[in-house]
Amino acid sequence: MLLPKLSLADLARSGHVTRWHSVRTSRDQTLAEHHYMVIRISNKLAKEILGPDLTDSFLLQIMEYASLHDTPELLMGDLPSPLKHHIERISGGNNPIDAIEHAIAPWLTRMKQEMRPEHLLLVKLADIIDALVFITLEGVGEHAQQVIRILHKMLEEKLNLGIKRYPQYPWKYTLTLLNELLQNKDGSKIAFESMEVKP
């Protein structure tokens, strides 16, 4: 069976595709919102962590991948991570999800193959940070709390991988940025709105 390939028209629908199907939240997060946040977080992580090793070309590549990293969800939906892990464990080296994603977005597979592994890791860290921030602020109930714990563990594992494989970079900045995003919340908005306007 020949699967359809993602088109530009599909990408335009990213504002209609929602995430977090299996977790109760106070509002929906769209794929477009998620991609935007992962772009912004990846940009900040890349500049702070890679420092002088970050060329304009590398930054553009990182941000382009961040802007498209979950586009297969436009056709497949947001598959819960536990389901992905179960499928991977059962299928071994022949993960059907990977095969489907490659069939519908072969350009995304090529993009990943052309990127440096530490740059892919930066985007993955940004992806987890966005998930953590969203579910911490918008998650409802005990299940959301469990998901937060799982995401913290995932972040720690990826962070340790970066520290082990690329010790020349300050990977712990990731935690600084996460804390900043969780602490500030509406701080700037409140400060702006509470300023006195003088005639």
N, C-alpha and C. Protein backbone atom coordinates (compact mmCIF):
# COMPACT_ATOMS: atom_id res chain seq x y z
N MET A 1 0.84 -1.19 0.00
CA MET A 1 0.00 0.00 0.00
C MET A 1 0.88 1.24 0.00
N LEU A 2 0.59 2.14 -0.90
CA LEU A 2 1.36 3.37 -1.02
C LEU A 2 0.71 4.46 -0.16
N LEU A 3 1.48 4.97 0.80
CA LEU A 3 0.95 6.00 1.70
C LEU A 3 1.11 7.38 1.07
N PRO A 4 0.18 8.31 1.35
CA PRO A 4 0.32 9.67 0.82
C PRO A 4 1.49 10.39 1.49
N LYS A 5 2.11 11.29 0.76
CA LYS A 5 3.21 12.07 1.32
C LYS A 5 2.66 13.40 1.83
N LEU A 6 3.26 13.90 2.90
CA LEU A 6 2.85 15.19 3.44
C LEU A 6 3.13 16.29 2.43
N SER A 7 2.20 17.22 2.33
CA SER A 7 2.35 18.34 1.40
C SER A 7 2.34 19.65 2.18
N LEU A 8 2.59 20.74 1.48
CA LEU A 8 2.53 22.06 2.11
C LEU A 8 1.13 22.34 2.64
N ALA A 9 0.12 21.86 1.93
CA ALA A 9 -1.26 22.04 2.40
C ALA A 9 -1.48 21.33 3.73
N ASP A 10 -0.84 20.16 3.91
CA ASP A 10 -0.94 19.45 5.19
C ASP A 10 -0.30 20.27 6.31
N LEU A 11 0.86 20.86 6.01
CA LEU A 11 1.55 21.66 7.02
C LEU A 11 0.70 22.82 7.48
N ALA A 12 -0.11 23.36 6.59
CA ALA A 12 -0.97 24.48 6.93
C ALA A 12 -2.06 24.08 7.93
N ARG A 13 -2.30 22.78 8.08
CA ARG A 13 -3.32 22.32 9.01
C ARG A 13 -2.79 22.10 10.43
N SER A 14 -1.54 22.43 10.68
CA SER A 14 -0.95 22.13 11.98
C SER A 14 -1.62 22.88 13.13
N GLY A 15 -2.35 23.94 12.81
CA GLY A 15 -3.11 24.65 13.84
C GLY A 15 -4.39 23.94 14.23
N HIS A 16 -4.74 22.88 13.49
CA HIS A 16 -5.97 22.14 13.78
C HIS A 16 -5.71 20.80 14.44
N VAL A 17 -4.46 20.33 14.39
CA VAL A 17 -4.11 19.02 14.95
C VAL A 17 -3.72 19.22 16.41
N THR A 18 -4.39 18.51 17.30
CA THR A 18 -4.12 18.69 18.73
C THR A 18 -3.25 17.56 19.27
N ARG A 19 -2.59 17.87 20.37
CA ARG A 19 -1.70 16.93 21.06
C ARG A 19 -2.34 16.52 22.38
N TRP A 20 -1.68 15.63 23.10
CA TRP A 20 -2.09 15.22 24.44
C TRP A 20 -3.45 14.52 24.45
N HIS A 21 -3.67 13.63 23.51
CA HIS A 21 -4.95 12.92 23.44
C HIS A 21 -5.22 12.06 24.67
N SER A 22 -4.16 11.54 25.28
CA SER A 22 -4.37 10.58 26.37
C SER A 22 -4.22 11.20 27.75
N VAL A 23 -3.95 12.50 27.82
CA VAL A 23 -3.77 13.19 29.11
C VAL A 23 -4.79 14.31 29.22
N ARG A 24 -5.46 14.39 30.36
CA ARG A 24 -6.45 15.45 30.56
C ARG A 24 -5.74 16.78 30.76
N THR A 25 -6.16 17.78 29.99
CA THR A 25 -5.56 19.11 30.10
C THR A 25 -6.65 20.17 30.16
N SER A 26 -6.29 21.34 30.67
CA SER A 26 -7.27 22.42 30.79
C SER A 26 -7.55 23.10 29.45
N ARG A 27 -6.67 22.89 28.47
CA ARG A 27 -6.88 23.42 27.12
C ARG A 27 -6.10 22.55 26.15
N ASP A 28 -6.44 22.65 24.88
CA ASP A 28 -5.73 21.90 23.85
C ASP A 28 -4.44 22.62 23.48
N GLN A 29 -3.44 21.83 23.14
CA GLN A 29 -2.23 22.37 22.53
C GLN A 29 -2.20 21.88 21.09
N THR A 30 -2.04 22.80 20.15
CA THR A 30 -1.99 22.40 18.75
C THR A 30 -0.56 22.03 18.37
N LEU A 31 -0.45 21.31 17.28
CA LEU A 31 0.87 20.96 16.75
C LEU A 31 1.63 22.22 16.36
N ALA A 32 0.93 23.22 15.82
CA ALA A 32 1.58 24.48 15.44
C ALA A 32 2.18 25.17 16.66
N GLU A 33 1.44 25.20 17.77
CA GLU A 33 1.96 25.81 19.00
C GLU A 33 3.19 25.05 19.48
N HIS A 34 3.11 23.72 19.46
CA HIS A 34 4.24 22.91 19.91
C HIS A 34 5.47 23.16 19.04
N HIS A 35 5.29 23.16 17.71
CA HIS A 35 6.43 23.41 16.84
C HIS A 35 7.04 24.78 17.10
N TYR A 36 6.19 25.80 17.28
CA TYR A 36 6.70 27.14 17.54
C TYR A 36 7.55 27.16 18.82
N MET A 37 7.02 26.54 19.88
CA MET A 37 7.76 26.55 21.15
C MET A 37 9.07 25.78 21.04
N VAL A 38 9.06 24.66 20.33
CA VAL A 38 10.29 23.88 20.18
C VAL A 38 11.32 24.67 19.36
N ILE A 39 10.87 25.45 18.38
CA ILE A 39 11.79 26.33 17.63
C ILE A 39 12.44 27.32 18.58
N ARG A 40 11.62 28.02 19.37
CA ARG A 40 12.15 29.06 20.26
C ARG A 40 13.10 28.47 21.30
N ILE A 41 12.70 27.34 21.88
CA ILE A 41 13.54 26.71 22.92
C ILE A 41 14.82 26.17 22.30
N SER A 42 14.73 25.55 21.12
CA SER A 42 15.93 25.04 20.44
C SER A 42 16.91 26.17 20.13
N ASN A 43 16.37 27.30 19.68
CA ASN A 43 17.20 28.46 19.37
C ASN A 43 18.00 28.90 20.60
N LYS A 44 17.32 29.01 21.73
CA LYS A 44 17.97 29.45 22.97
C LYS A 44 18.99 28.42 23.45
N LEU A 45 18.60 27.14 23.44
CA LEU A 45 19.53 26.08 23.87
C LEU A 45 20.77 26.06 22.99
N ALA A 46 20.57 26.14 21.68
CA ALA A 46 21.70 26.08 20.74
C ALA A 46 22.69 27.21 21.01
N LYS A 47 22.17 28.42 21.18
CA LYS A 47 23.06 29.57 21.40
C LYS A 47 23.81 29.47 22.73
N GLU A 48 23.11 29.03 23.77
CA GLU A 48 23.73 28.97 25.09
C GLU A 48 24.64 27.76 25.26
N ILE A 49 24.28 26.63 24.67
CA ILE A 49 25.05 25.41 24.88
C ILE A 49 26.19 25.27 23.87
N LEU A 50 25.92 25.51 22.61
CA LEU A 50 26.95 25.31 21.59
C LEU A 50 27.91 26.49 21.49
N GLY A 51 27.46 27.67 21.89
CA GLY A 51 28.33 28.85 21.91
C GLY A 51 29.03 29.09 20.59
N PRO A 52 30.36 29.24 20.61
CA PRO A 52 31.09 29.57 19.38
C PRO A 52 31.08 28.46 18.33
N ASP A 53 30.71 27.24 18.70
CA ASP A 53 30.62 26.15 17.72
C ASP A 53 29.35 26.23 16.87
N LEU A 54 28.47 27.15 17.21
CA LEU A 54 27.21 27.28 16.49
C LEU A 54 27.37 28.25 15.33
N THR A 55 27.35 27.73 14.12
CA THR A 55 27.40 28.58 12.93
C THR A 55 25.98 28.97 12.55
N ASP A 56 25.87 29.99 11.69
CA ASP A 56 24.54 30.38 11.20
C ASP A 56 23.88 29.22 10.46
N SER A 57 24.67 28.47 9.72
CA SER A 57 24.15 27.33 8.97
C SER A 57 23.60 26.26 9.92
N PHE A 58 24.34 25.98 10.98
CA PHE A 58 23.89 24.99 11.96
C PHE A 58 22.60 25.46 12.64
N LEU A 59 22.55 26.74 13.00
CA LEU A 59 21.36 27.26 13.68
C LEU A 59 20.14 27.16 12.77
N LEU A 60 20.31 27.50 11.51
CA LEU A 60 19.21 27.41 10.56
C LEU A 60 18.73 25.96 10.43
N GLN A 61 19.66 25.03 10.36
CA GLN A 61 19.32 23.61 10.25
C GLN A 61 18.56 23.13 11.49
N ILE A 62 19.03 23.54 12.67
CA ILE A 62 18.38 23.16 13.93
C ILE A 62 16.96 23.70 13.97
N MET A 63 16.80 24.97 13.62
CA MET A 63 15.48 25.59 13.69
C MET A 63 14.53 25.03 12.64
N GLU A 64 15.05 24.71 11.46
CA GLU A 64 14.19 24.12 10.44
C GLU A 64 13.70 22.75 10.89
N TYR A 65 14.60 21.94 11.43
CA TYR A 65 14.18 20.62 11.91
C TYR A 65 13.19 20.76 13.06
N ALA A 66 13.46 21.69 13.98
CA ALA A 66 12.54 21.91 15.11
C ALA A 66 11.15 22.29 14.62
N SER A 67 11.09 23.04 13.52
CA SER A 67 9.80 23.50 13.01
C SER A 67 9.00 22.40 12.33
N LEU A 68 9.64 21.27 12.06
CA LEU A 68 8.99 20.19 11.31
C LEU A 68 9.06 18.83 12.00
N HIS A 69 9.68 18.76 13.17
CA HIS A 69 10.05 17.46 13.75
C HIS A 69 8.87 16.53 14.00
N ASP A 70 7.68 17.05 14.26
CA ASP A 70 6.52 16.19 14.52
C ASP A 70 5.49 16.23 13.39
N THR A 71 5.88 16.66 12.20
CA THR A 71 4.90 16.78 11.12
C THR A 71 4.19 15.47 10.76
N PRO A 72 4.78 14.29 10.95
CA PRO A 72 4.00 13.07 10.68
C PRO A 72 2.69 13.01 11.48
N GLU A 73 2.63 13.73 12.61
CA GLU A 73 1.41 13.76 13.41
C GLU A 73 0.24 14.37 12.64
N LEU A 74 0.53 15.13 11.58
CA LEU A 74 -0.55 15.70 10.77
C LEU A 74 -1.44 14.62 10.17
N LEU A 75 -0.84 13.46 9.85
CA LEU A 75 -1.60 12.35 9.30
C LEU A 75 -1.84 11.25 10.34
N MET A 76 -0.90 11.06 11.25
CA MET A 76 -0.96 9.95 12.20
C MET A 76 -1.61 10.30 13.53
N GLY A 77 -1.67 11.59 13.83
CA GLY A 77 -2.12 12.00 15.16
C GLY A 77 -0.97 11.91 16.15
N ASP A 78 -1.20 12.40 17.35
CA ASP A 78 -0.18 12.40 18.40
C ASP A 78 -0.26 11.07 19.14
N LEU A 79 0.61 10.14 18.79
CA LEU A 79 0.60 8.84 19.46
C LEU A 79 1.22 8.99 20.85
N PRO A 80 0.56 8.49 21.89
CA PRO A 80 1.13 8.60 23.23
C PRO A 80 2.49 7.90 23.32
N SER A 81 3.42 8.50 24.05
CA SER A 81 4.77 7.94 24.18
C SER A 81 4.77 6.50 24.68
N PRO A 82 3.94 6.14 25.69
CA PRO A 82 3.96 4.74 26.14
C PRO A 82 3.62 3.77 25.00
N LEU A 83 2.68 4.15 24.13
CA LEU A 83 2.34 3.29 23.00
C LEU A 83 3.54 3.15 22.07
N LYS A 84 4.24 4.26 21.79
CA LYS A 84 5.41 4.21 20.93
C LYS A 84 6.47 3.26 21.51
N HIS A 85 6.68 3.35 22.84
CA HIS A 85 7.68 2.49 23.49
C HIS A 85 7.28 1.02 23.43
N HIS A 86 5.98 0.72 23.62
CA HIS A 86 5.51 -0.67 23.54
C HIS A 86 5.69 -1.21 22.12
N ILE A 87 5.35 -0.41 21.13
CA ILE A 87 5.49 -0.85 19.73
C ILE A 87 6.96 -1.09 19.41
N GLU A 88 7.84 -0.20 19.88
CA GLU A 88 9.27 -0.35 19.62
C GLU A 88 9.80 -1.62 20.27
N ARG A 89 9.36 -1.90 21.50
CA ARG A 89 9.82 -3.08 22.21
C ARG A 89 9.35 -4.37 21.51
N ILE A 90 8.11 -4.37 21.07
CA ILE A 90 7.54 -5.55 20.42
C ILE A 90 8.15 -5.78 19.04
N SER A 91 8.37 -4.71 18.30
CA SER A 91 8.81 -4.84 16.90
C SER A 91 10.31 -4.97 16.74
N GLY A 92 11.07 -4.70 17.79
CA GLY A 92 12.52 -4.79 17.68
C GLY A 92 13.07 -3.76 16.72
N GLY A 93 13.85 -4.20 15.75
CA GLY A 93 14.48 -3.27 14.81
C GLY A 93 13.59 -2.87 13.64
N ASN A 94 12.37 -3.40 13.58
CA ASN A 94 11.47 -3.09 12.46
C ASN A 94 10.25 -2.32 12.94
N ASN A 95 10.49 -1.15 13.50
CA ASN A 95 9.41 -0.36 14.07
C ASN A 95 8.49 0.17 12.95
N PRO A 96 7.22 -0.25 12.94
CA PRO A 96 6.32 0.20 11.87
C PRO A 96 6.04 1.70 11.92
N ILE A 97 6.12 2.31 13.09
CA ILE A 97 5.89 3.76 13.19
C ILE A 97 6.98 4.50 12.40
N ASP A 98 8.24 4.07 12.57
CA ASP A 98 9.33 4.68 11.82
C ASP A 98 9.13 4.50 10.32
N ALA A 99 8.68 3.32 9.93
CA ALA A 99 8.46 3.04 8.50
C ALA A 99 7.35 3.93 7.94
N ILE A 100 6.28 4.11 8.70
CA ILE A 100 5.17 4.96 8.24
C ILE A 100 5.63 6.42 8.16
N GLU A 101 6.33 6.87 9.20
CA GLU A 101 6.82 8.26 9.20
C GLU A 101 7.75 8.50 8.00
N HIS A 102 8.60 7.53 7.71
CA HIS A 102 9.51 7.68 6.57
C HIS A 102 8.73 7.72 5.26
N ALA A 103 7.68 6.89 5.17
CA ALA A 103 6.89 6.85 3.93
C ALA A 103 6.15 8.15 3.67
N ILE A 104 5.63 8.77 4.74
CA ILE A 104 4.84 9.99 4.52
C ILE A 104 5.68 11.26 4.56
N ALA A 105 6.87 11.19 5.15
CA ALA A 105 7.75 12.38 5.22
C ALA A 105 9.21 11.97 5.02
N PRO A 106 9.56 11.46 3.82
CA PRO A 106 10.94 11.02 3.59
C PRO A 106 11.95 12.16 3.74
N TRP A 107 11.53 13.38 3.44
CA TRP A 107 12.40 14.55 3.57
C TRP A 107 12.78 14.79 5.04
N LEU A 108 11.89 14.42 5.98
CA LEU A 108 12.20 14.58 7.39
C LEU A 108 13.28 13.59 7.81
N THR A 109 13.19 12.37 7.28
CA THR A 109 14.22 11.36 7.56
C THR A 109 15.57 11.84 7.04
N ARG A 110 15.59 12.37 5.81
CA ARG A 110 16.84 12.90 5.24
C ARG A 110 17.39 14.05 6.09
N MET A 111 16.49 14.92 6.53
CA MET A 111 16.90 16.05 7.35
C MET A 111 17.61 15.57 8.62
N LYS A 112 17.02 14.56 9.26
CA LYS A 112 17.62 14.01 10.48
C LYS A 112 18.99 13.40 10.19
N GLN A 113 19.10 12.69 9.09
CA GLN A 113 20.36 12.03 8.74
C GLN A 113 21.47 13.03 8.44
N GLU A 114 21.09 14.22 7.98
CA GLU A 114 22.09 15.24 7.64
C GLU A 114 22.53 16.08 8.84
N MET A 115 21.82 15.93 9.95
CA MET A 115 22.14 16.75 11.13
C MET A 115 23.17 16.07 12.02
N ARG A 116 23.91 16.91 12.74
CA ARG A 116 24.85 16.38 13.72
C ARG A 116 24.06 15.82 14.91
N PRO A 117 24.54 14.74 15.50
CA PRO A 117 23.79 14.11 16.60
C PRO A 117 23.55 15.05 17.79
N GLU A 118 24.52 15.90 18.09
CA GLU A 118 24.33 16.82 19.22
C GLU A 118 23.26 17.86 18.93
N HIS A 119 23.06 18.18 17.65
CA HIS A 119 22.01 19.12 17.27
C HIS A 119 20.64 18.46 17.38
N LEU A 120 20.55 17.19 16.99
CA LEU A 120 19.30 16.45 17.18
C LEU A 120 18.96 16.34 18.66
N LEU A 121 19.99 16.15 19.47
CA LEU A 121 19.78 16.05 20.92
C LEU A 121 19.23 17.37 21.47
N LEU A 122 19.74 18.50 20.98
CA LEU A 122 19.23 19.81 21.40
C LEU A 122 17.74 19.94 21.11
N VAL A 123 17.34 19.52 19.92
CA VAL A 123 15.92 19.62 19.55
C VAL A 123 15.09 18.69 20.42
N LYS A 124 15.61 17.50 20.73
CA LYS A 124 14.88 16.57 21.58
C LYS A 124 14.72 17.17 22.99
N LEU A 125 15.76 17.80 23.50
CA LEU A 125 15.66 18.46 24.81
C LEU A 125 14.60 19.56 24.77
N ALA A 126 14.58 20.33 23.69
CA ALA A 126 13.58 21.39 23.54
C ALA A 126 12.18 20.79 23.49
N ASP A 127 12.04 19.67 22.80
CA ASP A 127 10.77 18.97 22.68
C ASP A 127 10.25 18.54 24.06
N ILE A 128 11.14 17.99 24.87
CA ILE A 128 10.76 17.54 26.21
C ILE A 128 10.45 18.74 27.11
N ILE A 129 11.24 19.80 26.99
CA ILE A 129 10.98 21.01 27.79
C ILE A 129 9.60 21.57 27.48
N ASP A 130 9.26 21.67 26.19
CA ASP A 130 7.93 22.19 25.85
C ASP A 130 6.84 21.31 26.43
N ALA A 131 7.02 19.99 26.34
CA ALA A 131 6.02 19.07 26.90
C ALA A 131 5.90 19.27 28.40
N LEU A 132 7.03 19.40 29.08
CA LEU A 132 7.02 19.59 30.54
C LEU A 132 6.35 20.89 30.94
N VAL A 133 6.67 21.96 30.24
CA VAL A 133 6.07 23.25 30.58
C VAL A 133 4.56 23.21 30.33
N PHE A 134 4.16 22.68 29.17
CA PHE A 134 2.73 22.65 28.86
C PHE A 134 1.96 21.81 29.88
N ILE A 135 2.42 20.60 30.14
CA ILE A 135 1.65 19.71 31.00
C ILE A 135 1.72 20.15 32.46
N THR A 136 2.80 20.82 32.86
CA THR A 136 2.88 21.35 34.23
C THR A 136 1.86 22.47 34.43
N LEU A 137 1.72 23.33 33.42
CA LEU A 137 0.79 24.46 33.53
C LEU A 137 -0.65 24.08 33.21
N GLU A 138 -0.84 23.12 32.29
CA GLU A 138 -2.19 22.83 31.78
C GLU A 138 -2.71 21.44 32.13
N GLY A 139 -1.87 20.57 32.68
CA GLY A 139 -2.30 19.21 33.00
C GLY A 139 -3.26 19.18 34.17
N VAL A 140 -4.21 18.24 34.14
CA VAL A 140 -5.23 18.12 35.18
C VAL A 140 -5.22 16.69 35.72
N GLY A 141 -5.15 16.56 37.03
CA GLY A 141 -5.32 15.25 37.65
C GLY A 141 -4.02 14.50 37.90
N GLU A 142 -4.18 13.32 38.54
CA GLU A 142 -3.05 12.49 38.93
C GLU A 142 -2.28 11.95 37.73
N HIS A 143 -3.00 11.62 36.66
CA HIS A 143 -2.32 11.11 35.47
C HIS A 143 -1.35 12.15 34.92
N ALA A 144 -1.77 13.40 34.89
CA ALA A 144 -0.88 14.47 34.40
C ALA A 144 0.37 14.56 35.29
N GLN A 145 0.19 14.38 36.59
CA GLN A 145 1.33 14.41 37.52
C GLN A 145 2.30 13.27 37.22
N GLN A 146 1.75 12.10 36.90
CA GLN A 146 2.59 10.95 36.54
C GLN A 146 3.36 11.25 35.25
N VAL A 147 2.69 11.87 34.28
CA VAL A 147 3.34 12.22 33.02
C VAL A 147 4.49 13.21 33.27
N ILE A 148 4.27 14.15 34.17
CA ILE A 148 5.33 15.12 34.52
C ILE A 148 6.55 14.39 35.07
N ARG A 149 6.32 13.41 35.95
CA ARG A 149 7.45 12.64 36.50
C ARG A 149 8.19 11.88 35.40
N ILE A 150 7.45 11.29 34.48
CA ILE A 150 8.06 10.55 33.37
C ILE A 150 8.87 11.50 32.49
N LEU A 151 8.31 12.68 32.20
CA LEU A 151 9.02 13.65 31.37
C LEU A 151 10.30 14.15 32.04
N HIS A 152 10.26 14.35 33.35
CA HIS A 152 11.48 14.76 34.07
C HIS A 152 12.56 13.67 33.95
N LYS A 153 12.14 12.41 34.04
CA LYS A 153 13.08 11.30 33.90
C LYS A 153 13.66 11.26 32.49
N MET A 154 12.81 11.46 31.48
CA MET A 154 13.28 11.49 30.09
C MET A 154 14.28 12.62 29.88
N LEU A 155 13.97 13.79 30.44
CA LEU A 155 14.87 14.93 30.30
C LEU A 155 16.22 14.63 30.95
N GLU A 156 16.18 14.03 32.13
CA GLU A 156 17.43 13.69 32.83
C GLU A 156 18.26 12.70 32.01
N GLU A 157 17.61 11.71 31.41
CA GLU A 157 18.33 10.71 30.59
C GLU A 157 18.99 11.37 29.38
N LYS A 158 18.25 12.23 28.69
CA LYS A 158 18.81 12.90 27.51
C LYS A 158 19.93 13.86 27.90
N LEU A 159 19.75 14.53 29.03
CA LEU A 159 20.77 15.45 29.53
C LEU A 159 22.05 14.70 29.86
N ASN A 160 21.92 13.57 30.53
CA ASN A 160 23.09 12.75 30.86
C ASN A 160 23.78 12.22 29.61
N LEU A 161 22.99 11.92 28.59
CA LEU A 161 23.56 11.48 27.32
C LEU A 161 24.42 12.58 26.71
N GLY A 162 23.90 13.81 26.73
CA GLY A 162 24.67 14.94 26.21
C GLY A 162 25.96 15.16 26.99
N ILE A 163 25.87 15.09 28.31
CA ILE A 163 27.04 15.30 29.16
C ILE A 163 28.10 14.23 28.90
N LYS A 164 27.63 12.99 28.71
CA LYS A 164 28.56 11.88 28.49
C LYS A 164 29.21 11.94 27.11
N ARG A 165 28.40 12.19 26.07
CA ARG A 165 28.92 12.15 24.70
C ARG A 165 29.62 13.44 24.26
N TYR A 166 29.15 14.56 24.80
CA TYR A 166 29.69 15.86 24.38
C TYR A 166 30.01 16.70 25.62
N PRO A 167 31.00 16.27 26.41
CA PRO A 167 31.28 16.95 27.69
C PRO A 167 31.80 18.37 27.54
N GLN A 168 32.16 18.77 26.33
CA GLN A 168 32.68 20.12 26.12
C GLN A 168 31.60 21.19 26.19
N TYR A 169 30.32 20.77 26.21
CA TYR A 169 29.22 21.73 26.20
C TYR A 169 28.51 21.79 27.55
N PRO A 170 28.02 22.97 27.94
CA PRO A 170 27.32 23.14 29.23
C PRO A 170 25.85 22.70 29.15
N TRP A 171 25.62 21.40 29.10
CA TRP A 171 24.27 20.86 28.93
C TRP A 171 23.34 21.21 30.07
N LYS A 172 23.87 21.48 31.25
CA LYS A 172 23.01 21.75 32.40
C LYS A 172 22.24 23.07 32.25
N TYR A 173 22.62 23.87 31.25
CA TYR A 173 21.84 25.08 30.99
C TYR A 173 20.39 24.71 30.68
N THR A 174 20.17 23.51 30.19
CA THR A 174 18.82 23.03 29.89
C THR A 174 17.91 23.18 31.11
N LEU A 175 18.42 22.82 32.28
CA LEU A 175 17.64 22.91 33.52
C LEU A 175 17.39 24.36 33.91
N THR A 176 18.37 25.21 33.66
CA THR A 176 18.20 26.64 33.93
C THR A 176 17.05 27.20 33.10
N LEU A 177 17.03 26.85 31.82
CA LEU A 177 15.98 27.34 30.94
C LEU A 177 14.62 26.77 31.34
N LEU A 178 14.56 25.49 31.66
CA LEU A 178 13.31 24.88 32.10
C LEU A 178 12.77 25.60 33.33
N ASN A 179 13.63 25.83 34.32
CA ASN A 179 13.19 26.52 35.53
C ASN A 179 12.73 27.94 35.25
N GLU A 180 13.42 28.60 34.35
CA GLU A 180 13.01 29.97 33.97
C GLU A 180 11.61 29.95 33.35
N LEU A 181 11.36 29.00 32.47
CA LEU A 181 10.05 28.91 31.82
C LEU A 181 8.94 28.57 32.82
N LEU A 182 9.27 27.71 33.78
CA LEU A 182 8.25 27.31 34.77
C LEU A 182 8.02 28.39 35.83
N GLN A 183 9.07 29.14 36.16
CA GLN A 183 8.96 30.16 37.22
C GLN A 183 8.28 31.43 36.73
N ASN A 184 8.60 31.86 35.53
CA ASN A 184 8.11 33.15 35.06
C ASN A 184 6.62 33.12 34.78
N LYS A 185 6.17 32.07 34.14
CA LYS A 185 4.76 31.92 33.76
C LYS A 185 4.23 33.23 33.18
N ASP A 186 3.45 33.96 33.95
CA ASP A 186 2.87 35.22 33.46
C ASP A 186 3.55 36.44 34.08
N GLY A 187 4.77 36.27 34.58
CA GLY A 187 5.46 37.35 35.29
C GLY A 187 5.58 38.64 34.51
N SER A 188 6.03 38.55 33.27
CA SER A 188 6.20 39.76 32.45
C SER A 188 4.86 40.42 32.15
N LYS A 189 3.85 39.60 31.86
CA LYS A 189 2.52 40.15 31.57
C LYS A 189 1.95 40.88 32.77
N ILE A 190 2.08 40.27 33.95
CA ILE A 190 1.56 40.88 35.17
C ILE A 190 2.31 42.18 35.46
N ALA A 191 3.64 42.14 35.30
CA ALA A 191 4.44 43.35 35.54
C ALA A 191 4.04 44.46 34.58
N PHE A 192 3.82 44.11 33.31
CA PHE A 192 3.43 45.09 32.31
C PHE A 192 2.07 45.70 32.64
N GLU A 193 1.12 44.86 33.02
CA GLU A 193 -0.24 45.32 33.29
C GLU A 193 -0.34 46.11 34.60
N SER A 194 0.58 45.85 35.52
CA SER A 194 0.48 46.53 36.81
C SER A 194 1.26 47.86 36.84
N MET A 195 1.97 48.19 35.76
CA MET A 195 2.69 49.46 35.71
C MET A 195 1.70 50.61 35.62
N GLU A 196 1.99 51.66 36.35
CA GLU A 196 1.12 52.84 36.31
C GLU A 196 1.38 53.60 35.02
N VAL A 197 0.30 53.99 34.40
CA VAL A 197 0.40 54.81 33.19
C VAL A 197 0.20 56.26 33.61
N LYS A 198 1.22 57.09 33.36
CA LYS A 198 1.13 58.49 33.75
C LYS A 198 0.63 59.32 32.58
N PRO A 199 -0.35 60.22 32.81
CA PRO A 199 -0.87 61.04 31.71
C PRO A 199 0.15 62.04 31.20
